[in-house]
Protein backbone atom coordinates (compact mmCIF):
# COMPACT_ATOMS: atom_id res chain seq x y z
CA UNK A 1 101.10 76.48 105.31
CA UNK A 2 98.08 77.98 107.06
CA UNK A 3 98.44 81.20 105.07
CA UNK A 4 96.60 79.56 102.16
CA UNK A 5 93.63 78.84 104.44
CA UNK A 6 93.71 82.43 105.67
CA UNK A 7 93.79 83.74 102.10
CA UNK A 8 90.79 81.56 101.18
CA UNK A 9 89.01 82.89 104.27
CA UNK A 10 89.66 86.47 103.20
CA UNK A 11 88.34 85.73 99.70
CA UNK A 12 85.22 84.10 101.18
CA UNK A 13 84.55 86.99 103.56
CA UNK A 14 85.05 89.63 100.88
CA UNK A 15 82.83 87.91 98.31
CA UNK A 16 80.10 87.36 100.91
CA UNK A 17 80.13 91.02 101.93
CA UNK A 18 80.30 92.32 98.36
CA UNK A 19 78.24 89.87 96.29
CA UNK A 20 78.31 90.45 92.55
CA UNK A 21 81.07 93.06 92.81
CA UNK A 22 84.48 92.84 91.16
CA UNK A 23 87.15 93.35 93.81
CA UNK A 24 90.34 95.05 92.61
CA UNK A 25 92.31 95.21 95.87
CA UNK A 26 92.12 93.81 99.37
CA UNK A 27 94.09 95.20 102.29
CA UNK A 28 94.77 93.11 105.38
CA UNK A 29 96.37 94.03 108.69
CA UNK A 30 98.93 91.47 109.82
CA UNK A 31 100.29 91.79 113.34
CA UNK A 32 103.95 91.07 113.96
CA UNK A 33 103.00 88.42 116.53
CA UNK A 34 99.98 87.00 114.68
CA UNK A 35 101.80 83.93 113.42
CA UNK A 36 101.05 84.93 109.82
CA UNK A 37 103.99 85.09 107.42
CA UNK A 38 103.33 88.00 105.00
CA UNK A 39 105.59 86.56 102.29
CA UNK A 40 103.74 83.22 102.31
CA UNK A 41 100.35 84.99 102.33
CA UNK A 42 101.35 87.09 99.32
CA UNK A 43 102.61 84.04 97.42
CA UNK A 44 99.47 81.94 97.90
CA UNK A 45 97.08 84.84 97.10
CA UNK A 46 96.86 84.12 93.32
CA UNK A 47 95.91 80.50 93.96
CA UNK A 48 93.34 81.39 96.64
CA UNK A 49 91.64 83.94 94.38
CA UNK A 50 91.60 81.81 91.22
CA UNK A 51 88.13 81.60 89.60
CA UNK A 52 86.60 84.02 92.13
CA UNK A 53 85.45 87.66 91.87
CA UNK A 54 88.72 88.49 93.65
CA UNK A 55 90.93 86.95 90.94
CA UNK A 56 93.55 89.46 89.82
CA UNK A 57 92.99 91.70 92.84
CA UNK A 58 96.02 93.19 94.51
CA UNK A 59 96.73 92.01 98.05
CA UNK A 60 97.97 94.87 100.21
CA UNK A 61 99.55 93.80 103.48
CA UNK A 62 99.94 96.40 106.22
CA UNK A 63 102.18 95.04 108.94
CA UNK A 64 101.24 96.08 112.47
CA UNK A 65 104.12 96.24 114.95
CA UNK A 66 103.67 94.52 118.30
CA UNK A 67 103.18 96.86 121.26
CA UNK A 68 102.50 96.61 124.98
CA UNK A 69 101.26 99.15 127.48
CA UNK A 70 103.46 99.56 130.54
CA UNK A 71 101.37 100.78 133.50
CA UNK A 72 104.53 101.77 135.37
CA UNK A 73 105.83 104.04 132.55
CA UNK A 74 102.29 105.01 131.49
CA UNK A 75 102.98 104.56 127.80
CA UNK A 76 102.79 102.12 124.92
CA UNK A 77 106.05 100.44 123.89
CA UNK A 78 107.03 98.64 120.68
CA UNK A 79 108.42 95.18 121.29
CA UNK A 80 110.39 92.73 119.17
CA UNK A 81 110.26 88.97 118.73
CA UNK A 82 112.40 88.47 121.86
CA UNK A 83 109.82 90.09 124.18
CA UNK A 84 110.04 88.43 127.62
CA UNK A 85 106.92 90.06 129.15
CA UNK A 86 108.88 92.80 130.85
CA UNK A 87 108.96 96.48 129.87
CA UNK A 88 111.90 97.18 127.55
CA UNK A 89 112.60 100.40 129.48
CA UNK A 90 111.78 99.93 133.19
CA UNK A 91 111.67 96.12 133.47
CA UNK A 92 108.16 96.03 135.00
CA UNK A 93 106.27 92.81 134.23
CA UNK A 94 103.70 93.21 131.44
CA UNK A 95 101.26 90.43 130.65
CA UNK A 96 99.17 91.95 127.85
CA UNK A 97 100.17 92.68 124.29
CA UNK A 98 98.02 95.60 123.04
CA UNK A 99 98.76 95.38 119.29
CA UNK A 100 100.45 93.01 116.92
CA UNK A 101 98.36 89.84 117.27
CA UNK A 102 95.68 90.85 114.77
CA UNK A 103 94.86 89.49 111.37
CA UNK A 104 91.96 91.40 109.81
CA UNK A 105 90.57 92.76 106.58
CA UNK A 106 91.13 96.51 106.59
CA UNK A 107 89.39 97.50 103.34
CA UNK A 108 88.57 96.46 99.78
CA UNK A 109 88.58 98.36 96.51
CA UNK A 110 85.83 97.50 94.04
CA UNK A 111 85.07 98.32 90.38
């Protein structure tokens, strides 16, 4: 379960950026195609934060849908897990996913 390692990484990053502060909430962006399972991340959060300034902080997960930009249609399209690298509307080949692969810290709340 790599989500535990990700949670520990979030705790490390937050405590390094906010030394000596008590963190009450951490929000992360999790892309639909990031490979991160939000349920697993949420469940390992208490263990990853134990005995840290982040212990007891709420983990807020904002899920980011996966999207692509179709140059033929000239617009961004939401895709699902069955995306085959073609536009869901016109069928043009698309090789770049524009959103949905991210895993990042969005913000923290502190005391």
